Structure formats: C-alpha cells, structure tokens
Amino acid sequence: MKFVFLILLLIATSGNVLGEIYKWVDDEGNVHFSDQKPESSGVEEVRLEVNTYTNVSYDTSVFDTGRQVVMYSTSWCGYCKMARKYFRSNGIAYTEHDIEKSQAAKREYDRMGARGVPVILVGDKRMNGFSESGFRRIYDQ
C-alpha cells in the first residue's frame, strides 16, 4: 500500500513523464500497477510524472559520509545516469541507494527531506541534482 501511495504522491508532485504504466483491478477488487500491459480487459494507461532536480542546489546533509560519495537515485533518472557515468569515467568510488528498490534507502531519503533525485552526499555536504562542476564544488573541498 505504501508503494501505491508513493506512486500517487509522485504523480501529484510531478516533473517529467516517465513512460507507460498500466493500471487494472483484478476480480477481487485489488488495484494493480505495472510497466507491462496485462492481457486482461479493463486496463488503463497511467501517465506518471516524477521530479528530478533540473538545477543543482546545495544543503548541509543530515548524514556525514566522510570522504565517501553516496547517491540516492532511481533507475530511470537521467541525471542519476549522468552522475554514474561521470563517477565511473573519473574513477570516483561511490555508494548508490535506489529509493524505489530499497525501503531503508527510502527512509533515509525521507529523513533528509529530499524531493527529487539524485541526491549526492559527500561528507556533510549535500547536492540536489547533478552537474560536473557542482559535484566538484562539494567533492574537492
């Protein structure tokens, strides 16, 4: 039920259209969501919109990661993909927490009061969004 609430919350605080999501009600009255269209009738396509940070902003983190780079992300986020690519190409070790796949990561993300992805932590610095220069600003200190 929390997952359905999260989806509805993300729809309400929308930013970018993701893709095809289908909704249907089974014979017992249970509502289902999936990215794969079921063969049953009564299926409707739902357009989900979810925030990503489009501009980089900075905060003080509620967590202190030391020199470790920690990123809270989702699998579909374009800025998260850019950050992953940048980290790999520059040999920067990082720990990634997918807030849609890990309940513990989602709890930490909520504890930070985050509203979009990616959220990148270095020490007690927090960057919302991603840009190479923005990351260097918190990483090279």
C-alpha atoms as a PDB file:
ATOM      1  CA  MET A   1       0.000   0.000   0.000  1.00  0.00           C
ATOM      2  CA  LYS A   2       2.921   2.351   0.744  1.00  0.00           C
ATOM      3  CA  PHE A   3       4.169   1.796  -2.819  1.00  0.00           C
ATOM      4  CA  VAL A   4       0.810   2.838  -4.309  1.00  0.00           C
ATOM      5  CA  PHE A   5       0.799   5.917  -2.057  1.00  0.00           C
ATOM      6  CA  LEU A   6       4.343   6.752  -3.202  1.00  0.00           C
ATOM      7  CA  ILE A   7       3.306   6.473  -6.846  1.00  0.00           C
ATOM      8  CA  LEU A   8       0.310   8.716  -6.274  1.00  0.00           C
ATOM      9  CA  LEU A   9       2.477  11.206  -4.357  1.00  0.00           C
ATOM     10  CA  LEU A  10       4.998  11.248  -7.177  1.00  0.00           C
ATOM     11  CA  ILE A  11       2.209  11.864  -9.677  1.00  0.00           C
ATOM     12  CA  ALA A  12       0.941  14.780  -7.621  1.00  0.00           C
ATOM     13  CA  THR A  13       4.417  16.359  -7.380  1.00  0.00           C
ATOM     14  CA  SER A  14       5.229  15.744 -11.000  1.00  0.00           C
ATOM     15  CA  GLY A  15       8.089  16.886 -13.194  1.00  0.00           C
ATOM     16  CA  ASN A  16       8.982  14.648 -16.132  1.00  0.00           C
ATOM     17  CA  VAL A  17       6.892  11.968 -17.894  1.00  0.00           C
ATOM     18  CA  LEU A  18       8.447   8.539 -17.406  1.00  0.00           C
ATOM     19  CA  GLY A  19       6.797   6.007 -19.648  1.00  0.00           C
ATOM     20  CA  GLU A  20       3.968   3.533 -19.880  1.00  0.00           C
ATOM     21  CA  ILE A  21       2.385   2.317 -16.670  1.00  0.00           C
ATOM     22  CA  TYR A  22      -0.796   0.259 -16.657  1.00  0.00           C
ATOM     23  CA  LYS A  23      -3.496   0.091 -14.006  1.00  0.00           C
ATOM     24  CA  TRP A  24      -6.172  -2.538 -13.616  1.00  0.00           C
ATOM     25  CA  VAL A  25      -8.468  -4.036 -10.996  1.00  0.00           C
ATOM     26  CA  ASP A  26      -8.498  -7.812 -10.537  1.00  0.00           C
ATOM     27  CA  ASP A  27     -11.579  -9.986  -9.873  1.00  0.00           C
ATOM     28  CA  GLU A  28     -11.165  -9.486  -6.111  1.00  0.00           C
ATOM     29  CA  GLY A  29     -11.144  -5.680  -6.399  1.00  0.00           C
ATOM     30  CA  ASN A  30      -7.391  -5.226  -5.878  1.00  0.00           C
ATOM     31  CA  VAL A  31      -5.785  -2.397  -7.865  1.00  0.00           C
ATOM     32  CA  HIS A  32      -2.531  -3.254  -9.674  1.00  0.00           C
ATOM     33  CA  PHE A  33       0.119  -1.157 -11.439  1.00  0.00           C
ATOM     34  CA  SER A  34       2.753  -2.480 -13.853  1.00  0.00           C
ATOM     35  CA  ASP A  35       5.022  -1.360 -16.672  1.00  0.00           C
ATOM     36  CA  GLN A  36       3.921  -4.441 -18.631  1.00  0.00           C
ATOM     37  CA  LYS A  37       0.437  -4.436 -20.127  1.00  0.00           C
ATOM     38  CA  PRO A  38      -1.573  -7.427 -18.881  1.00  0.00           C
ATOM     39  CA  GLU A  39      -3.802  -9.349 -21.258  1.00  0.00           C
ATOM     40  CA  SER A  40      -6.903  -8.798 -19.118  1.00  0.00           C
ATOM     41  CA  SER A  41      -9.547  -6.299 -20.106  1.00  0.00           C
ATOM     42  CA  GLY A  42     -10.235  -3.055 -18.266  1.00  0.00           C
ATOM     43  CA  VAL A  43      -6.615  -1.935 -18.372  1.00  0.00           C
ATOM     44  CA  GLU A  44      -5.926   1.776 -18.490  1.00  0.00           C
ATOM     45  CA  GLU A  45      -2.634   3.515 -19.216  1.00  0.00           C
ATOM     46  CA  VAL A  46      -1.471   5.852 -16.463  1.00  0.00           C
ATOM     47  CA  ARG A  47       0.944   8.674 -17.220  1.00  0.00           C
ATOM     48  CA  LEU A  48       3.313   9.076 -14.285  1.00  0.00           C
ATOM     49  CA  GLU A  49       5.314  12.192 -13.716  1.00  0.00           C
ATOM     50  CA  VAL A  50       8.137  12.318 -11.184  1.00  0.00           C
ATOM     51  CA  ASN A  51      10.513  15.068 -10.114  1.00  0.00           C
ATOM     52  CA  THR A  52      14.139  15.137 -10.938  1.00  0.00           C
ATOM     53  CA  TYR A  53      16.250  18.065  -9.944  1.00  0.00           C
ATOM     54  CA  THR A  54      16.768  20.230 -13.023  1.00  0.00           C
ATOM     55  CA  ASN A  55      19.008  22.725 -11.249  1.00  0.00           C
ATOM     56  CA  VAL A  56      21.740  21.938  -8.782  1.00  0.00           C
ATOM     57  CA  SER A  57      21.234  23.184  -5.249  1.00  0.00           C
ATOM     58  CA  TYR A  58      23.241  22.635  -2.074  1.00  0.00           C
ATOM     59  CA  ASP A  59      22.368  21.892   1.531  1.00  0.00           C
ATOM     60  CA  THR A  60      24.049  20.648   4.646  1.00  0.00           C
ATOM     61  CA  SER A  61      23.462  16.924   4.958  1.00  0.00           C
ATOM     62  CA  VAL A  62      21.872  15.312   7.994  1.00  0.00           C
ATOM     63  CA  PHE A  63      24.364  12.462   7.412  1.00  0.00           C
ATOM     64  CA  ASP A  64      28.156  12.813   7.433  1.00  0.00           C
ATOM     65  CA  THR A  65      29.661  10.369   4.924  1.00  0.00           C
ATOM     66  CA  GLY A  66      33.279  11.421   5.438  1.00  0.00           C
ATOM     67  CA  ARG A  67      35.074  11.296   2.058  1.00  0.00           C
ATOM     68  CA  GLN A  68      32.634   8.670   0.767  1.00  0.00           C
ATOM     69  CA  VAL A  69      30.335   9.665  -2.091  1.00  0.00           C
ATOM     70  CA  VAL A  70      26.739   8.471  -1.570  1.00  0.00           C
ATOM     71  CA  MET A  71      23.985   8.908  -4.145  1.00  0.00           C
ATOM     72  CA  TYR A  72      20.250   8.436  -3.643  1.00  0.00           C
ATOM     73  CA  SER A  73      18.754   7.705  -7.041  1.00  0.00           C
ATOM     74  CA  THR A  74      16.264   5.858  -9.210  1.00  0.00           C
ATOM     75  CA  SER A  75      16.923   3.624 -12.210  1.00  0.00           C
ATOM     76  CA  TRP A  76      15.066   5.885 -14.675  1.00  0.00           C
ATOM     77  CA  CYS A  77      16.579   9.264 -13.700  1.00  0.00           C
ATOM     78  CA  GLY A  78      18.634  10.868 -16.472  1.00  0.00           C
ATOM     79  CA  TYR A  79      20.711  12.980 -14.070  1.00  0.00           C
ATOM     80  CA  CYS A  80      21.427   9.868 -11.996  1.00  0.00           C
ATOM     81  CA  LYS A  81      22.727   8.175 -15.167  1.00  0.00           C
ATOM     82  CA  MET A  82      24.933  11.196 -15.891  1.00  0.00           C
ATOM     83  CA  ALA A  83      26.328  11.051 -12.352  1.00  0.00           C
ATOM     84  CA  ARG A  84      27.033   7.295 -12.601  1.00  0.00           C
ATOM     85  CA  LYS A  85      28.840   7.787 -15.901  1.00  0.00           C
ATOM     86  CA  TYR A  86      30.869  10.687 -14.504  1.00  0.00           C
ATOM     87  CA  PHE A  87      31.851   8.745 -11.377  1.00  0.00           C
ATOM     88  CA  ARG A  88      32.920   5.692 -13.422  1.00  0.00           C
ATOM     89  CA  SER A  89      34.884   7.684 -16.002  1.00  0.00           C
ATOM     90  CA  ASN A  90      36.723   9.608 -13.275  1.00  0.00           C
ATOM     91  CA  GLY A  91      37.421   6.614 -11.024  1.00  0.00           C
ATOM     92  CA  ILE A  92      35.316   8.010  -8.183  1.00  0.00           C
ATOM     93  CA  ALA A  93      34.110   5.304  -5.833  1.00  0.00           C
ATOM     94  CA  TYR A  94      30.519   5.787  -4.717  1.00  0.00           C
ATOM     95  CA  THR A  95      27.690   4.004  -2.987  1.00  0.00           C
ATOM     96  CA  GLU A  96      24.284   4.157  -4.635  1.00  0.00           C
ATOM     97  CA  HIS A  97      20.919   3.708  -2.945  1.00  0.00           C
ATOM     98  CA  ASP A  98      17.880   3.273  -5.213  1.00  0.00           C
ATOM     99  CA  ILE A  99      14.966   4.801  -3.310  1.00  0.00           C
ATOM    100  CA  GLU A 100      12.417   2.761  -5.273  1.00  0.00           C
ATOM    101  CA  LYS A 101      14.087  -0.600  -4.638  1.00  0.00           C
ATOM    102  CA  SER A 102      15.235  -0.237  -1.031  1.00  0.00           C
ATOM    103  CA  GLN A 103      12.923   0.647   1.851  1.00  0.00           C
ATOM    104  CA  ALA A 104      15.929   1.554   4.012  1.00  0.00           C
ATOM    105  CA  ALA A 105      17.193   3.945   1.323  1.00  0.00           C
ATOM    106  CA  LYS A 106      13.726   5.488   1.014  1.00  0.00           C
ATOM    107  CA  ARG A 107      13.579   6.032   4.776  1.00  0.00           C
ATOM    108  CA  GLU A 108      16.976   7.779   4.722  1.00  0.00           C
ATOM    109  CA  TYR A 109      15.880   9.847   1.709  1.00  0.00           C
ATOM    110  CA  ASP A 110      12.702  10.869   3.556  1.00  0.00           C
ATOM    111  CA  ARG A 111      14.722  11.692   6.681  1.00  0.00           C
ATOM    112  CA  MET A 112      16.719  14.168   4.582  1.00  0.00           C
ATOM    113  CA  GLY A 113      13.507  15.808   3.397  1.00  0.00           C
ATOM    114  CA  ALA A 114      14.545  15.188  -0.213  1.00  0.00           C
ATOM    115  CA  ARG A 115      12.029  15.792  -3.002  1.00  0.00           C
ATOM    116  CA  GLY A 116      13.833  14.699  -6.167  1.00  0.00           C
ATOM    117  CA  VAL A 117      16.756  12.662  -7.432  1.00  0.00           C
ATOM    118  CA  PRO A 118      19.667  12.461  -7.476  1.00  0.00           C
ATOM    119  CA  VAL A 119      20.741  13.489  -4.003  1.00  0.00           C
ATOM    120  CA  ILE A 120      24.516  13.218  -3.666  1.00  0.00           C
ATOM    121  CA  LEU A 121      26.312  13.369  -0.325  1.00  0.00           C
ATOM    122  CA  VAL A 122      29.994  13.986   0.351  1.00  0.00           C
ATOM    123  CA  GLY A 123      30.930  14.500   3.996  1.00  0.00           C
ATOM    124  CA  ASP A 124      28.323  16.826   5.464  1.00  0.00           C
ATOM    125  CA  LYS A 125      27.603  18.392   2.058  1.00  0.00           C
ATOM    126  CA  ARG A 126      24.510  17.591   0.017  1.00  0.00           C
ATOM    127  CA  MET A 127      23.944  18.289  -3.664  1.00  0.00           C
ATOM    128  CA  ASN A 128      20.440  18.041  -5.092  1.00  0.00           C
ATOM    129  CA  GLY A 129      20.718  17.248  -8.797  1.00  0.00           C
ATOM    130  CA  PHE A 130      23.911  16.719 -10.748  1.00  0.00           C
ATOM    131  CA  SER A 131      26.411  18.696 -12.732  1.00  0.00           C
ATOM    132  CA  GLU A 132      30.125  18.019 -13.036  1.00  0.00           C
ATOM    133  CA  SER A 133      31.077  21.466 -11.723  1.00  0.00           C
ATOM    134  CA  GLY A 134      28.503  21.202  -8.950  1.00  0.00           C
ATOM    135  CA  PHE A 135      29.866  17.845  -7.860  1.00  0.00           C
ATOM    136  CA  ARG A 136      33.455  19.162  -7.906  1.00  0.00           C
ATOM    137  CA  ARG A 137      32.297  22.009  -5.665  1.00  0.00           C
ATOM    138  CA  ILE A 138      31.442  19.565  -2.855  1.00  0.00           C
ATOM    139  CA  TYR A 139      33.992  16.849  -3.672  1.00  0.00           C
ATOM    140  CA  ASP A 140      37.200  18.899  -3.990  1.00  0.00           C
ATOM    141  CA  GLN A 141      36.879  20.673  -0.642  1.00  0.00           C
END
